[in-house]
Protein backbone atom coordinates (compact mmCIF):
# COMPACT_ATOMS: atom_id res chain seq x y z
CA UNK A 1 -72.52 -25.16 6.97
CA UNK A 2 -72.11 -21.45 6.24
CA UNK A 3 -72.01 -19.98 2.74
CA UNK A 4 -70.53 -16.53 2.22
CA UNK A 5 -72.21 -14.79 -0.74
CA UNK A 6 -70.56 -11.71 -2.20
CA UNK A 7 -72.90 -9.01 -3.49
CA UNK A 8 -70.98 -8.28 -6.69
CA UNK A 9 -71.27 -4.98 -8.55
CA UNK A 10 -73.91 -2.81 -6.92
CA UNK A 11 -75.04 -1.48 -10.29
CA UNK A 12 -75.69 -4.98 -11.65
CA UNK A 13 -78.07 -7.82 -10.89
CA UNK A 14 -76.13 -9.28 -7.94
CA UNK A 15 -78.14 -7.66 -5.12
CA UNK A 16 -81.53 -8.57 -6.57
CA UNK A 17 -80.70 -12.19 -7.37
CA UNK A 18 -79.41 -12.65 -3.82
CA UNK A 19 -82.64 -11.47 -2.20
CA UNK A 20 -84.66 -13.19 -4.91
CA UNK A 21 -83.03 -16.56 -4.27
CA UNK A 22 -82.56 -16.28 -0.49
CA UNK A 23 -85.49 -18.41 0.64
CA UNK A 24 -84.54 -21.21 -1.76
CA UNK A 25 -80.85 -20.97 -0.80
CA UNK A 26 -81.66 -21.52 2.87
CA UNK A 27 -84.36 -24.14 2.33
CA UNK A 28 -82.94 -26.20 -0.52
CA UNK A 29 -79.28 -26.29 0.55
CA UNK A 30 -80.08 -26.62 4.27
CA UNK A 31 -77.22 -24.17 4.82
CA UNK A 32 -76.74 -20.94 6.64
CA UNK A 33 -75.68 -17.96 4.54
CA UNK A 34 -74.30 -14.48 5.00
CA UNK A 35 -73.88 -11.69 2.44
CA UNK A 36 -70.71 -9.65 2.06
CA UNK A 37 -71.94 -6.36 0.66
CA UNK A 38 -74.03 -3.36 1.62
CA UNK A 39 -77.20 -3.62 3.76
CA UNK A 40 -78.90 -0.56 2.27
CA UNK A 41 -78.45 -1.83 -1.30
CA UNK A 42 -79.82 -5.26 -0.36
CA UNK A 43 -82.82 -3.62 1.30
CA UNK A 44 -83.47 -1.62 -1.85
CA UNK A 45 -83.24 -4.80 -3.92
CA UNK A 46 -85.76 -6.53 -1.67
CA UNK A 47 -88.18 -3.65 -2.09
CA UNK A 48 -87.68 -3.76 -5.85
CA UNK A 49 -88.71 -7.43 -5.94
CA UNK A 50 -91.55 -6.97 -3.44
CA UNK A 51 -89.86 -9.26 -0.93
CA UNK A 52 -90.53 -8.73 2.76
CA UNK A 53 -86.98 -8.86 4.09
CA UNK A 54 -85.03 -7.53 7.04
CA UNK A 55 -81.33 -6.98 6.35
CA UNK A 56 -79.45 -7.57 9.61
CA UNK A 57 -76.04 -5.93 9.65
CA UNK A 58 -73.36 -7.91 11.47
CA UNK A 59 -69.68 -7.23 12.06
CA UNK A 60 -68.34 -10.78 11.84
CA UNK A 61 -69.73 -14.25 11.26
CA UNK A 62 -68.16 -15.45 14.52
CA UNK A 63 -69.93 -12.71 16.42
CA UNK A 64 -73.22 -13.87 14.97
CA UNK A 65 -72.61 -17.53 15.78
CA UNK A 66 -72.01 -16.71 19.43
CA UNK A 67 -75.48 -15.23 19.79
CA UNK A 68 -78.26 -17.39 21.16
CA UNK A 69 -80.65 -16.27 18.44
CA UNK A 70 -78.44 -17.49 15.60
CA UNK A 71 -81.08 -19.87 14.30
CA UNK A 72 -83.62 -17.07 14.17
CA UNK A 73 -81.31 -14.87 12.12
CA UNK A 74 -80.14 -17.61 9.78
CA UNK A 75 -83.06 -19.89 9.19
CA UNK A 76 -86.33 -19.68 11.14
CA UNK A 77 -87.25 -16.31 9.66
CA UNK A 78 -86.40 -17.64 6.24
CA UNK A 79 -89.31 -20.07 6.51
CA UNK A 80 -91.76 -17.37 7.57
CA UNK A 81 -93.24 -14.48 5.63
CA UNK A 82 -90.24 -12.30 6.50
CA UNK A 83 -86.75 -13.08 5.24
CA UNK A 84 -83.89 -12.17 7.56
CA UNK A 85 -80.65 -11.71 5.63
CA UNK A 86 -77.40 -11.18 7.60
CA UNK A 87 -74.95 -8.86 5.87
CA UNK A 88 -71.37 -7.85 6.60
CA UNK A 89 -70.89 -4.29 5.38
CA UNK A 90 -68.11 -3.95 2.79
CA UNK A 91 -66.97 -0.85 0.92
CA UNK A 92 -67.59 2.86 1.34
CA UNK A 93 -71.02 4.47 1.78
CA UNK A 94 -70.56 6.19 -1.57
CA UNK A 95 -71.45 2.90 -3.30
CA UNK A 96 -75.11 3.60 -2.51
CA UNK A 97 -74.96 6.57 -4.90
CA UNK A 98 -73.87 4.52 -7.90
CA UNK A 99 -76.46 4.78 -10.71
CA UNK A 100 -77.97 1.47 -11.72
CA UNK A 101 -76.57 -0.19 -14.83
CA UNK A 102 -73.45 1.95 -15.03
CA UNK A 103 -69.72 1.31 -14.81
CA UNK A 104 -68.50 3.05 -11.67
CA UNK A 105 -65.26 2.83 -9.69
CA UNK A 106 -67.19 3.05 -6.41
CA UNK A 107 -69.02 -0.16 -7.26
CA UNK A 108 -65.77 -1.80 -8.33
CA UNK A 109 -64.10 -0.92 -5.03
CA UNK A 110 -67.00 -2.18 -2.91
CA UNK A 111 -67.15 -5.43 -4.89
CA UNK A 112 -63.41 -5.99 -4.38
CA UNK A 113 -63.62 -5.33 -0.64
CA UNK A 114 -66.43 -7.88 -0.32
CA UNK A 115 -64.47 -10.50 -2.25
CA UNK A 116 -61.33 -10.06 -0.15
CA UNK A 117 -63.26 -10.20 3.13
CA UNK A 118 -65.04 -13.38 2.06
CA UNK A 119 -61.81 -15.04 0.88
CA UNK A 120 -60.07 -14.25 4.16
CA UNK A 121 -62.99 -15.60 6.19
CA UNK A 122 -62.96 -18.80 4.11
CA UNK A 123 -59.20 -19.19 4.56
CA UNK A 124 -59.68 -18.79 8.31
CA UNK A 125 -62.40 -21.45 8.35
CA UNK A 126 -65.08 -18.98 9.45
CA UNK A 127 -67.22 -19.81 6.43
CA UNK A 128 -67.26 -23.08 4.49
CA UNK A 129 -67.46 -21.73 0.94
CA UNK A 130 -67.61 -18.52 -1.06
CA UNK A 131 -70.31 -17.98 -3.68
CA UNK A 132 -69.80 -14.93 -5.88
CA UNK A 133 -72.26 -12.85 -7.87
CA UNK A 134 -71.10 -10.85 -10.92
CA UNK A 135 -68.55 -8.07 -10.92
CA UNK A 136 -67.82 -5.67 -13.78
CA UNK A 137 -64.18 -5.97 -14.80
CA UNK A 138 -63.90 -2.37 -15.98
CA UNK A 139 -65.37 -1.01 -12.74
CA UNK A 140 -62.82 -3.13 -10.88
CA UNK A 141 -59.99 -1.68 -12.94
CA UNK A 142 -61.30 1.89 -12.54
CA UNK A 143 -61.09 1.33 -8.79
CA UNK A 144 -57.40 0.47 -9.16
CA UNK A 145 -57.64 -3.33 -8.98
CA UNK A 146 -56.14 -4.64 -12.18
CA UNK A 147 -57.40 -8.19 -12.40
CA UNK A 148 -59.12 -9.86 -15.36
CA UNK A 149 -61.77 -11.28 -13.05
CA UNK A 150 -62.73 -13.16 -9.89
CA UNK A 151 -60.59 -16.20 -10.64
CA UNK A 152 -57.31 -14.31 -10.62
CA UNK A 153 -58.22 -12.44 -7.41
CA UNK A 154 -58.94 -15.72 -5.64
CA UNK A 155 -55.76 -17.32 -6.92
CA UNK A 156 -53.54 -14.44 -5.83
CA UNK A 157 -55.17 -14.04 -2.42
CA UNK A 158 -54.88 -17.78 -1.81
CA UNK A 159 -51.28 -17.86 -3.05
CA UNK A 160 -51.73 -20.50 -5.77
CA UNK A 161 -50.26 -20.66 -9.27
CA UNK A 162 -51.89 -23.86 -10.53
CA UNK A 163 -55.56 -22.98 -10.91
CA UNK A 164 -58.30 -23.05 -13.51
CA UNK A 165 -61.78 -21.80 -14.35
CA UNK A 166 -64.34 -24.54 -14.76
CA UNK A 167 -68.02 -24.45 -15.75
CA UNK A 168 -70.19 -27.26 -14.46
CA UNK A 169 -73.69 -28.43 -15.39
CA UNK A 170 -75.32 -31.08 -13.25
CA UNK A 171 -77.37 -33.94 -14.65
CA UNK A 172 -80.66 -32.74 -16.07
CA UNK A 173 -82.12 -31.25 -19.19
CA UNK A 174 -79.62 -31.53 -22.11
CA UNK A 175 -77.03 -33.38 -20.01
CA UNK A 176 -77.22 -37.17 -20.22
CA UNK A 177 -74.43 -38.12 -17.82
CA UNK A 178 -75.59 -38.67 -14.24
CA UNK A 179 -72.35 -37.03 -13.12
CA UNK A 180 -73.05 -33.86 -15.07
CA UNK A 181 -70.60 -32.19 -17.44
CA UNK A 182 -67.57 -30.08 -16.56
CA UNK A 183 -65.56 -27.83 -18.89
CA UNK A 184 -62.16 -26.48 -17.84
CA UNK A 185 -60.35 -23.69 -19.72
CA UNK A 186 -56.64 -23.65 -20.51
CA UNK A 187 -56.66 -19.85 -20.95
CA UNK A 188 -58.94 -17.42 -19.12
CA UNK A 189 -59.77 -13.75 -19.53
CA UNK A 190 -57.36 -12.56 -22.19
CA UNK A 191 -57.41 -11.18 -25.71
CA UNK A 192 -57.66 -13.79 -28.44
CA UNK A 193 -54.31 -12.68 -29.88
CA UNK A 194 -52.62 -13.75 -26.62
CA UNK A 195 -53.91 -17.28 -26.33
CA UNK A 196 -51.57 -18.87 -28.89
CA UNK A 197 -48.55 -18.14 -26.73
CA UNK A 198 -50.31 -19.33 -23.56
CA UNK A 199 -51.28 -22.79 -24.82
CA UNK A 200 -48.39 -25.13 -24.02
CA UNK A 201 -48.01 -28.83 -23.32
CA UNK A 202 -47.62 -27.96 -19.65
CA UNK A 203 -50.71 -25.75 -19.46
CA UNK A 204 -52.97 -28.26 -21.23
CA UNK A 205 -51.69 -31.10 -19.04
CA UNK A 206 -52.14 -29.08 -15.86
CA UNK A 207 -55.79 -28.28 -16.60
CA UNK A 208 -56.53 -31.89 -17.54
CA UNK A 209 -55.12 -33.07 -14.20
CA UNK A 210 -57.13 -30.47 -12.27
CA UNK A 211 -60.42 -31.47 -13.86
CA UNK A 212 -59.62 -35.18 -13.46
CA UNK A 213 -59.06 -34.64 -9.75
CA UNK A 214 -62.28 -32.64 -9.44
CA UNK A 215 -64.42 -35.27 -11.12
CA UNK A 216 -62.91 -38.10 -9.06
CA UNK A 217 -62.55 -36.48 -5.64
CA UNK A 218 -65.34 -33.94 -5.49
CA UNK A 219 -68.18 -35.11 -7.69
CA UNK A 220 -67.67 -38.67 -6.45
CA UNK A 221 -67.00 -40.47 -9.70
CA UNK A 222 -65.39 -43.39 -7.90
CA UNK A 223 -66.51 -46.54 -9.76
CA UNK A 224 -64.51 -45.60 -12.85
CA UNK A 225 -62.12 -42.96 -14.05
CA UNK A 226 -63.67 -39.81 -15.49
CA UNK A 227 -63.54 -39.74 -19.27
CA UNK A 228 -61.98 -36.48 -20.46
CA UNK A 229 -62.17 -35.09 -23.98
CA UNK A 230 -59.79 -32.39 -25.21
CA UNK A 231 -60.73 -29.66 -27.69
CA UNK A 232 -58.62 -28.69 -30.64
CA UNK A 233 -57.58 -25.09 -31.14
CA UNK A 234 -57.90 -24.90 -34.92
CA UNK A 235 -60.83 -25.78 -37.21
CA UNK A 236 -61.18 -29.52 -37.93
CA UNK A 237 -58.49 -30.18 -35.28
CA UNK A 238 -55.97 -28.57 -37.64
CA UNK A 239 -56.67 -31.02 -40.51
CA UNK A 240 -53.28 -32.73 -40.06
CA UNK A 241 -51.45 -29.42 -40.00
CA UNK A 242 -53.27 -27.77 -42.92
CA UNK A 243 -55.05 -25.27 -40.63
CA UNK A 244 -52.42 -25.05 -37.88
CA UNK A 245 -49.95 -27.24 -36.06
CA UNK A 246 -50.86 -26.63 -32.39
CA UNK A 247 -52.72 -29.94 -32.31
CA UNK A 248 -49.63 -31.81 -33.55
CA UNK A 249 -46.96 -30.09 -31.49
CA UNK A 250 -48.80 -29.10 -28.29
CA UNK A 251 -52.24 -30.58 -27.63
CA UNK A 252 -51.66 -34.17 -28.76
CA UNK A 253 -48.37 -34.48 -26.83
CA UNK A 254 -50.16 -33.14 -23.74
CA UNK A 255 -52.86 -35.78 -24.14
CA UNK A 256 -50.22 -38.49 -24.55
CA UNK A 257 -48.45 -37.31 -21.40
CA UNK A 258 -51.75 -37.34 -19.50
CA UNK A 259 -52.40 -40.90 -20.69
CA UNK A 260 -48.95 -41.89 -19.48
CA UNK A 261 -49.83 -40.46 -16.06
CA UNK A 262 -52.98 -42.57 -15.84
CA UNK A 263 -55.74 -40.22 -17.01
CA UNK A 264 -58.61 -41.55 -19.14
CA UNK A 265 -58.33 -38.87 -21.81
CA UNK A 266 -58.77 -38.50 -25.57
CA UNK A 267 -58.23 -35.81 -28.16
CA UNK A 268 -57.81 -33.35 -29.60
CA UNK A 269 -61.27 -33.34 -31.19
CA UNK A 270 -62.82 -30.58 -33.33
CA UNK A 271 -64.45 -28.06 -31.04
CA UNK A 272 -67.67 -27.97 -33.07
CA UNK A 273 -68.40 -31.66 -32.41
CA UNK A 274 -66.87 -32.54 -29.03
CA UNK A 275 -69.58 -30.81 -26.99
CA UNK A 276 -72.32 -32.70 -28.84
CA UNK A 277 -70.67 -35.95 -27.81
CA UNK A 278 -70.12 -34.68 -24.27
CA UNK A 279 -73.77 -33.69 -24.00
CA UNK A 280 -74.72 -37.21 -25.03
CA UNK A 281 -72.64 -38.68 -22.21
CA UNK A 282 -69.47 -39.70 -24.06
CA UNK A 283 -67.34 -37.49 -21.81
CA UNK A 284 -67.57 -36.48 -18.16
CA UNK A 285 -65.34 -33.46 -18.70
CA UNK A 286 -63.90 -31.38 -21.52
CA UNK A 287 -60.69 -29.36 -21.72
CA UNK A 288 -61.34 -26.19 -23.77
CA UNK A 289 -58.50 -24.09 -25.11
CA UNK A 290 -60.01 -20.65 -24.47
CA UNK A 291 -62.86 -18.86 -22.72
CA UNK A 292 -65.55 -18.68 -25.38
CA UNK A 293 -64.84 -22.16 -26.73
CA UNK A 294 -66.08 -23.64 -23.49
CA UNK A 295 -68.50 -20.97 -22.28
CA UNK A 296 -70.66 -20.64 -25.39
CA UNK A 297 -71.31 -24.36 -25.70
CA UNK A 298 -72.06 -24.98 -22.04
CA UNK A 299 -74.27 -21.91 -21.67
CA UNK A 300 -76.30 -23.00 -24.68
CA UNK A 301 -76.87 -26.29 -22.88
CA UNK A 302 -77.93 -24.67 -19.60
CA UNK A 303 -77.37 -20.95 -19.18
CA UNK A 304 -79.30 -20.61 -15.92
CA UNK A 305 -78.08 -23.86 -14.38
CA UNK A 306 -74.38 -23.45 -15.11
CA UNK A 307 -71.97 -22.90 -12.22
CA UNK A 308 -68.48 -21.42 -12.34
CA UNK A 309 -65.99 -23.21 -10.07
CA UNK A 310 -62.38 -22.25 -9.44
CA UNK A 311 -60.13 -25.31 -9.33
CA UNK A 312 -56.83 -25.47 -7.45
CA UNK A 313 -57.79 -23.29 -4.47
CA UNK A 314 -57.42 -24.25 -0.80
CA UNK A 315 -60.97 -22.93 -0.31
CA UNK A 316 -64.25 -23.56 -2.14
CA UNK A 317 -65.41 -20.92 -4.58
CA UNK A 318 -68.40 -21.20 -6.87
CA UNK A 319 -70.13 -18.50 -8.86
CA UNK A 320 -72.98 -17.73 -11.17
CA UNK A 321 -72.08 -18.29 -14.81
CA UNK A 322 -73.38 -14.94 -16.06
CA UNK A 323 -72.37 -11.29 -15.91
CA UNK A 324 -73.68 -8.11 -14.33
CA UNK A 325 -76.41 -7.73 -17.01
CA UNK A 326 -76.51 -3.95 -16.78
CA UNK A 327 -79.23 -3.92 -19.44
CA UNK A 328 -81.52 -5.92 -17.12
CA UNK A 329 -80.29 -4.71 -13.74
CA UNK A 330 -82.66 -3.23 -11.17
CA UNK A 331 -85.78 -4.06 -13.13
CA UNK A 332 -86.81 -6.88 -10.79
CA UNK A 333 -86.69 -9.52 -13.53
CA UNK A 334 -83.21 -11.08 -13.21
CA UNK A 335 -83.29 -14.90 -13.03
CA UNK A 336 -81.95 -16.51 -9.88
CA UNK A 337 -81.36 -20.08 -11.10
CA UNK A 338 -77.59 -19.90 -11.55
CA UNK A 339 -77.06 -18.44 -8.08
CA UNK A 340 -79.20 -21.12 -6.46
CA UNK A 341 -77.29 -23.82 -8.35
CA UNK A 342 -73.95 -22.24 -7.35
CA UNK A 343 -75.05 -22.43 -3.69
CA UNK A 344 -76.13 -26.06 -4.09
CA UNK A 345 -72.79 -27.03 -5.65
CA UNK A 346 -70.82 -25.09 -3.01
CA UNK A 347 -72.70 -26.94 -0.28
CA UNK A 348 -72.01 -30.30 -1.94
CA UNK A 349 -68.32 -29.49 -2.30
CA UNK A 350 -68.04 -28.40 1.32
CA UNK A 351 -69.78 -31.53 2.59
CA UNK A 352 -67.47 -33.73 0.50
CA UNK A 353 -64.35 -32.42 2.16
């Protein structure tokens, strides 16, 4: 099992959470891992966190696997006092000059190059899953890559049109269901004024079917169908049309169509109550209409355990559920919990295939 971890924006917390979580990633997932990024930046991050690490630059994962000392590079050193972290160099050398905590096109370009290299290696079967750390969307755009975020890059590179962003919290504190709680989003990174034209019967139905498939096939909810709840768009679920008619003309017909296709689904429910019920175990998954509707609720339940998963891809991609945190970057204090959880989930998804 090999996880490919992208370094993210060099000015953000990606490099330091990678080195900070490395020992736990190797030990707790029982997986091998390789970083797509810049060796010098990772070495600097290790020094920042007072971690005794050797960053081993490699050209390809296949090249590394052919060596007789593979186990030493991947795992044995990770159980000793010295961490050995293999890294495939991505991006120009100029990325090492990017000031910490700043939006810079050089960081955006290096982050993009790492993402593309990792995607291509996953598509070729060289690595089993891609785990991403945060990128800054503006830095990406300054570098000439006009994507709203990771999800759209992965979808385009993999050639898929039916995809979705999902946040997942495993069973634990604040989550009663033993299967955890998943939230899928009908619309992604877009201005609020755009979402009303993007929510259609077809788009709501498509996301419901994606999350149903995930909960059944990947998480292993096999004894019964996953119970899916659907959020309303308007306050009080529209109050029978008083506060909007999207629930009547779009969301409810989508739910009815999903029921006709065999899904165990209900809604729409007011967004300010559905997550309380989901937390208590009434639902295995929730369909949210827009980004913040799902993100705010789930992050309140478990900010540092939440994992971002892209549904609909031919490869496995998980991610931390937080951003670059420029205000906290390169201070040696960034929390590593979300990255470790993203690696755990990626390993579980890969093993389930």
